[in-house]
């Protein structure tokens, strides 16, 4: 098929907007992009390829006219609509995590387990890995075969935008109020986000969900994994500190050339280190990547490797991962 009709469900959200932007520059031959939303966003207009497109209500869409539907929404929306869309013949690529642990639905992290895309035919649904999982496994894959992992520890510094526009707006509002001598208004959490650090273990950073996804993708359901997660007063950019052990010795005492990590969308920084502020700015300039630095042996445990990475959780871990999934599916499996 020479051209595709693609729907973006959640087109008014942060990841949805970023995905619409990236689709305009994709190598895919796209005939039509449909913007789909809820009652709240219905009727809003978005500029796409020089045209003003109107967001359509998800309840009135004729799904048979679309080949692919990206679901950049929460689990409740995916639970309600994804299977109905898939049954119409439209392939659903879902980022909500709703289907990640279903045996009959492939859990895909592009560039890591692309071959599972062939299993979309089971239910016409593809689950895409959680952003925490995507960043961690792509980072590890640059250094060792993920199937050889023996232990993995991930410390996640979660930005406010993990909780959507409301998270970013609440951090901005709290910061402004506190700087003007006013008390913070807490809505998402029972403690203030601004100028603070909060421990996390909820639906978006749930350690059980992350562990189960990693085990499913690696194929090792006994893999030893530990997770720490903290909400930090940063708007955008997921920061991770990783410590892992592989059954195959990992040699990090050699020079890395410019191609290192490119296979997995990873950029190595040898003379500097990434931060959410600097790397999200780079993402906005079109340099989508996971930025990796500070690769070293763990002191006192030479069999363990430690490293530090940062990536844009909206444009890269959200929109770019979805787009790569579709590009691989449409060019090699359809």
Protein backbone atom coordinates (compact mmCIF):
# COMPACT_ATOMS: atom_id res chain seq x y z
CA UNK A 1 0.00 0.00 0.00
CA UNK A 2 1.48 3.33 -1.04
CA UNK A 3 -0.17 5.62 1.52
CA UNK A 4 -1.73 5.37 4.95
CA UNK A 5 -4.55 6.94 6.93
CA UNK A 6 -3.46 7.46 10.52
CA UNK A 7 -5.44 8.52 13.58
CA UNK A 8 -3.96 10.05 16.73
CA UNK A 9 -6.19 9.45 19.76
CA UNK A 10 -5.28 11.97 22.42
CA UNK A 11 -4.26 14.59 19.86
CA UNK A 12 -4.66 17.46 22.34
CA UNK A 13 -2.36 15.88 24.93
CA UNK A 14 1.39 16.42 25.23
CA UNK A 15 2.46 13.16 23.57
CA UNK A 16 -0.34 13.38 21.01
CA UNK A 17 0.69 16.87 19.93
CA UNK A 18 4.34 15.83 19.68
CA UNK A 19 3.37 12.76 17.64
CA UNK A 20 1.32 14.84 15.18
CA UNK A 21 4.34 17.10 14.77
CA UNK A 22 6.71 14.17 14.13
CA UNK A 23 4.30 12.52 11.68
CA UNK A 24 4.60 15.52 9.39
CA UNK A 25 8.30 14.77 8.96
CA UNK A 26 8.07 10.98 8.89
CA UNK A 27 9.33 8.88 5.99
CA UNK A 28 5.92 7.20 5.86
CA UNK A 29 3.64 7.99 2.96
CA UNK A 30 0.64 9.42 4.81
CA UNK A 31 -2.55 10.27 2.99
CA UNK A 32 -4.53 11.52 5.96
CA UNK A 33 -3.96 12.30 9.66
CA UNK A 34 -7.07 12.22 11.83
CA UNK A 35 -7.05 14.01 15.17
CA UNK A 36 -9.21 12.30 17.78
CA UNK A 37 -10.12 13.48 21.25
CA UNK A 38 -12.74 13.54 23.98
CA UNK A 39 -15.69 15.83 24.57
CA UNK A 40 -13.30 18.34 26.15
CA UNK A 41 -11.07 18.71 23.07
CA UNK A 42 -13.65 18.18 20.32
CA UNK A 43 -13.65 21.08 17.88
CA UNK A 44 -10.16 22.34 18.69
CA UNK A 45 -8.00 23.01 15.64
CA UNK A 46 -4.39 21.97 15.10
CA UNK A 47 -2.10 23.12 12.28
CA UNK A 48 -0.88 20.07 10.35
CA UNK A 49 1.14 20.29 7.12
CA UNK A 50 -0.14 23.77 6.39
CA UNK A 51 -3.78 22.92 7.09
CA UNK A 52 -6.04 23.49 10.08
CA UNK A 53 -7.40 20.13 11.22
CA UNK A 54 -10.28 19.81 13.68
CA UNK A 55 -10.21 17.32 16.54
CA UNK A 56 -13.05 14.82 16.16
CA UNK A 57 -14.92 13.22 19.05
CA UNK A 58 -13.80 9.62 19.61
CA UNK A 59 -17.44 8.49 19.78
CA UNK A 60 -18.23 9.61 16.21
CA UNK A 61 -15.20 8.30 14.31
CA UNK A 62 -15.56 5.89 11.39
CA UNK A 63 -12.58 3.71 12.26
CA UNK A 64 -12.82 1.69 9.08
CA UNK A 65 -11.25 4.58 7.18
CA UNK A 66 -8.00 4.36 9.19
CA UNK A 67 -5.16 1.86 8.92
CA UNK A 68 -3.37 2.82 12.16
CA UNK A 69 -4.64 4.43 15.37
CA UNK A 70 -2.14 5.66 17.94
CA UNK A 71 -3.57 5.68 21.47
CA UNK A 72 -1.64 8.36 23.40
CA UNK A 73 -4.14 8.34 26.25
CA UNK A 74 -4.66 6.97 29.74
CA UNK A 75 -5.59 3.38 30.47
CA UNK A 76 -9.28 4.04 30.99
CA UNK A 77 -9.66 5.41 27.45
CA UNK A 78 -7.71 2.53 25.93
CA UNK A 79 -9.72 0.03 27.94
CA UNK A 80 -12.97 1.50 26.66
CA UNK A 81 -12.14 2.06 22.99
CA UNK A 82 -9.02 0.19 21.79
CA UNK A 83 -10.60 -3.18 21.15
CA UNK A 84 -13.58 -1.61 19.37
CA UNK A 85 -11.16 0.21 17.08
CA UNK A 86 -9.10 -2.95 16.49
CA UNK A 87 -12.21 -4.95 15.63
CA UNK A 88 -13.02 -2.46 12.88
CA UNK A 89 -9.81 -3.50 11.10
CA UNK A 90 -7.69 -0.55 12.26
CA UNK A 91 -4.40 -1.52 13.96
CA UNK A 92 -4.06 0.01 17.42
CA UNK A 93 -0.65 1.06 18.74
CA UNK A 94 -1.24 1.71 22.42
CA UNK A 95 1.01 3.61 24.82
CA UNK A 96 -1.23 3.46 27.89
CA UNK A 97 0.12 0.19 29.31
CA UNK A 98 -3.40 -1.23 29.32
CA UNK A 99 -2.46 -4.31 27.27
CA UNK A 100 1.21 -4.70 28.20
CA UNK A 101 0.76 -7.92 30.16
CA UNK A 102 -1.81 -9.63 27.96
CA UNK A 103 -0.31 -12.82 26.55
CA UNK A 104 -1.95 -12.49 23.15
CA UNK A 105 -0.81 -8.90 22.54
CA UNK A 106 2.83 -8.12 21.66
CA UNK A 107 4.70 -5.74 23.98
CA UNK A 108 7.09 -3.95 21.65
CA UNK A 109 10.12 -1.77 22.21
CA UNK A 110 11.31 -0.80 18.73
CA UNK A 111 14.95 -1.65 17.92
CA UNK A 112 14.88 -4.20 20.76
CA UNK A 113 12.22 -6.79 19.85
CA UNK A 114 10.82 -5.66 16.49
CA UNK A 115 10.12 -9.23 15.40
CA UNK A 116 7.12 -9.34 17.76
CA UNK A 117 5.34 -6.85 15.52
CA UNK A 118 4.23 -9.78 13.39
CA UNK A 119 1.99 -10.82 16.28
CA UNK A 120 -0.22 -7.75 15.84
CA UNK A 121 -2.55 -10.01 13.88
CA UNK A 122 -3.59 -11.78 17.08
CA UNK A 123 -5.89 -8.93 18.12
CA UNK A 124 -4.88 -6.00 15.88
CA UNK A 125 -3.31 -4.35 18.94
CA UNK A 126 0.33 -3.56 19.72
CA UNK A 127 1.35 -2.46 23.23
CA UNK A 128 4.33 -0.11 23.41
CA UNK A 129 6.72 -0.24 26.36
CA UNK A 130 6.49 2.17 29.30
CA UNK A 131 8.87 5.17 28.94
CA UNK A 132 10.88 4.04 31.97
CA UNK A 133 11.34 0.61 30.39
CA UNK A 134 12.17 2.06 26.97
CA UNK A 135 14.95 4.27 28.26
CA UNK A 136 16.44 1.65 30.57
CA UNK A 137 16.53 -1.25 28.10
CA UNK A 138 17.77 0.80 25.15
CA UNK A 139 20.54 2.16 27.35
CA UNK A 140 21.55 -1.29 28.58
CA UNK A 141 21.36 -2.70 25.04
CA UNK A 142 24.11 -0.34 23.93
CA UNK A 143 26.44 -2.00 26.44
CA UNK A 144 25.38 -5.65 26.57
CA UNK A 145 22.81 -8.11 25.28
CA UNK A 146 19.69 -7.55 27.41
CA UNK A 147 19.06 -11.29 27.35
CA UNK A 148 22.28 -11.72 29.36
CA UNK A 149 21.16 -9.51 32.23
CA UNK A 150 21.46 -11.03 35.70
CA UNK A 151 20.52 -8.01 37.81
CA UNK A 152 19.16 -4.55 37.07
CA UNK A 153 18.57 -1.57 39.35
CA UNK A 154 16.91 1.59 38.05
CA UNK A 155 16.64 4.90 39.87
CA UNK A 156 14.12 7.14 38.12
CA UNK A 157 13.88 10.89 38.58
CA UNK A 158 10.40 11.55 37.23
CA UNK A 159 9.45 14.96 35.76
CA UNK A 160 6.10 16.65 36.36
CA UNK A 161 5.03 16.13 32.73
CA UNK A 162 4.81 12.38 33.39
CA UNK A 163 1.44 13.37 34.80
CA UNK A 164 0.33 15.18 31.65
CA UNK A 165 -0.45 18.83 31.16
CA UNK A 166 -1.91 18.96 34.66
CA UNK A 167 1.41 17.91 36.16
CA UNK A 168 3.43 20.53 34.30
CA UNK A 169 0.86 23.25 34.97
CA UNK A 170 0.67 22.44 38.67
CA UNK A 171 4.46 22.63 39.02
CA UNK A 172 4.45 26.00 37.24
CA UNK A 173 1.58 27.34 39.35
CA UNK A 174 3.09 26.16 42.63
CA UNK A 175 6.48 27.63 41.75
CA UNK A 176 4.93 30.99 40.91
CA UNK A 177 2.83 31.10 44.08
CA UNK A 178 5.70 30.13 46.36
CA UNK A 179 8.04 32.70 44.78
CA UNK A 180 5.38 35.33 45.42
CA UNK A 181 4.98 34.38 49.05
CA UNK A 182 1.72 32.45 48.59
CA UNK A 183 1.06 28.87 49.76
CA UNK A 184 1.19 26.08 47.17
CA UNK A 185 -2.11 24.54 46.11
CA UNK A 186 -1.82 20.75 46.03
CA UNK A 187 -4.05 18.83 43.64
CA UNK A 188 -2.24 15.84 42.12
CA UNK A 189 -0.38 14.98 45.32
CA UNK A 190 -0.98 15.70 48.99
CA UNK A 191 2.35 17.51 49.20
CA UNK A 192 3.76 20.29 47.05
CA UNK A 193 5.68 19.41 43.89
CA UNK A 194 7.61 22.67 43.54
CA UNK A 195 11.04 22.82 45.19
CA UNK A 196 10.42 19.35 46.60
CA UNK A 197 11.06 15.63 46.00
CA UNK A 198 8.30 13.05 46.41
CA UNK A 199 8.60 9.24 46.53
CA UNK A 200 6.53 7.54 43.84
CA UNK A 201 4.83 4.20 43.42
CA UNK A 202 1.67 4.79 41.45
CA UNK A 203 0.17 3.89 38.07
CA UNK A 204 2.73 5.78 35.99
CA UNK A 205 5.83 4.81 37.96
CA UNK A 206 4.61 1.56 39.51
CA UNK A 207 7.58 -0.71 40.15
CA UNK A 208 5.55 -3.89 39.59
CA UNK A 209 4.41 -2.68 36.16
CA UNK A 210 7.96 -1.73 35.17
CA UNK A 211 9.44 -5.01 36.42
CA UNK A 212 6.83 -7.09 34.61
CA UNK A 213 7.37 -5.22 31.33
CA UNK A 214 11.14 -5.62 31.51
CA UNK A 215 10.82 -9.34 32.23
CA UNK A 216 8.39 -9.79 29.35
CA UNK A 217 10.63 -7.96 26.88
CA UNK A 218 13.83 -9.71 27.97
CA UNK A 219 12.08 -13.07 28.18
CA UNK A 220 13.54 -13.65 31.64
CA UNK A 221 10.66 -13.87 34.11
CA UNK A 222 13.05 -14.48 37.02
CA UNK A 223 15.31 -11.49 36.31
CA UNK A 224 16.30 -9.68 39.51
CA UNK A 225 15.10 -6.07 39.18
CA UNK A 226 14.79 -3.29 41.73
CA UNK A 227 13.23 0.11 41.10
CA UNK A 228 13.36 3.48 42.84
CA UNK A 229 11.29 6.42 41.66
CA UNK A 230 11.07 10.02 42.83
CA UNK A 231 9.10 12.95 41.48
CA UNK A 232 11.49 15.88 41.03
CA UNK A 233 10.65 19.56 40.39
CA UNK A 234 11.55 19.38 36.69
CA UNK A 235 9.06 19.97 33.89
CA UNK A 236 10.40 17.62 31.18
CA UNK A 237 13.06 14.94 30.85
CA UNK A 238 13.32 11.49 32.46
CA UNK A 239 16.62 10.96 34.27
CA UNK A 240 17.84 7.45 35.11
CA UNK A 241 20.76 6.01 37.03
CA UNK A 242 21.29 2.36 36.12
CA UNK A 243 23.29 -0.40 37.77
CA UNK A 244 23.35 -3.79 36.08
CA UNK A 245 25.17 -7.11 35.96
CA UNK A 246 25.49 -9.23 32.84
CA UNK A 247 26.41 -12.89 32.45
CA UNK A 248 28.78 -11.72 29.72
CA UNK A 249 31.67 -9.48 30.91
CA UNK A 250 31.20 -5.89 29.75
CA UNK A 251 34.33 -4.09 28.64
CA UNK A 252 33.97 -0.34 29.01
CA UNK A 253 37.71 0.41 28.89
CA UNK A 254 37.85 1.15 25.19
CA UNK A 255 37.24 4.17 23.02
CA UNK A 256 33.75 4.67 21.62
CA UNK A 257 33.39 5.90 18.06
CA UNK A 258 30.69 8.21 16.72
CA UNK A 259 28.43 5.30 15.78
CA UNK A 260 28.23 3.98 19.35
CA UNK A 261 24.63 3.62 20.47
CA UNK A 262 23.01 4.84 17.26
CA UNK A 263 21.43 1.43 16.65
CA UNK A 264 19.33 1.98 19.76
CA UNK A 265 18.79 5.72 19.50
CA UNK A 266 21.42 6.45 22.16
CA UNK A 267 23.97 9.26 22.04
CA UNK A 268 27.10 8.89 24.20
CA UNK A 269 28.45 12.00 25.91
CA UNK A 270 32.11 11.56 26.85
CA UNK A 271 33.26 15.09 27.65
CA UNK A 272 30.04 16.34 29.24
CA UNK A 273 26.94 14.98 30.95
CA UNK A 274 23.23 15.37 30.16
CA UNK A 275 20.59 17.14 32.23
CA UNK A 276 16.84 17.42 31.67
CA UNK A 277 17.15 21.12 30.82
CA UNK A 278 19.93 20.78 28.25
CA UNK A 279 18.74 17.58 26.61
CA UNK A 280 15.05 18.46 26.33
CA UNK A 281 16.14 21.64 24.57
CA UNK A 282 18.13 19.46 22.17
CA UNK A 283 15.04 17.31 21.58
CA UNK A 284 13.03 20.38 20.67
CA UNK A 285 15.68 21.19 18.08
CA UNK A 286 15.12 17.80 16.44
CA UNK A 287 17.89 15.77 18.08
CA UNK A 288 15.78 12.93 19.44
CA UNK A 289 17.91 10.56 21.48
CA UNK A 290 18.66 9.00 24.84
CA UNK A 291 21.73 10.82 26.14
CA UNK A 292 24.13 8.50 27.98
CA UNK A 293 27.11 9.41 30.16
CA UNK A 294 29.24 8.39 33.14
CA UNK A 295 29.66 4.71 32.21
CA UNK A 296 31.79 3.07 34.89
CA UNK A 297 32.39 -0.03 36.96
CA UNK A 298 30.68 -0.03 40.34
CA UNK A 299 33.30 0.59 43.03
CA UNK A 300 33.85 -2.63 44.97
CA UNK A 301 31.79 -4.65 42.48
CA UNK A 302 33.71 -4.74 39.22
CA UNK A 303 31.16 -7.06 37.63
CA UNK A 304 28.54 -4.30 37.89
CA UNK A 305 28.20 -1.44 35.41
CA UNK A 306 26.77 1.95 36.30
CA UNK A 307 25.61 4.69 33.95
CA UNK A 308 23.47 7.82 33.76
CA UNK A 309 20.98 8.82 31.06
CA UNK A 310 18.44 11.51 30.21
CA UNK A 311 15.76 11.68 27.54
CA UNK A 312 12.74 13.78 26.63
CA UNK A 313 9.80 11.83 28.05
CA UNK A 314 7.33 13.54 25.69
CA UNK A 315 8.97 13.83 22.26
CA UNK A 316 11.31 10.83 22.41
CA UNK A 317 10.05 8.27 24.92
CA UNK A 318 6.47 9.14 24.06
CA UNK A 319 6.00 10.27 20.47
CA UNK A 320 9.19 9.01 18.81
CA UNK A 321 8.84 5.48 20.20
CA UNK A 322 5.26 5.31 18.92
CA UNK A 323 6.33 6.56 15.50
CA UNK A 324 9.23 4.10 15.23
CA UNK A 325 6.83 1.28 16.06
CA UNK A 326 4.50 2.30 13.24
CA UNK A 327 7.31 2.85 10.75
CA UNK A 328 8.71 -0.62 11.38
CA UNK A 329 5.27 -2.20 11.22
CA UNK A 330 4.19 -0.51 7.99
CA UNK A 331 7.47 -0.94 6.12
CA UNK A 332 8.26 -4.54 7.09
CA UNK A 333 5.11 -6.29 8.31
CA UNK A 334 2.31 -4.97 6.11
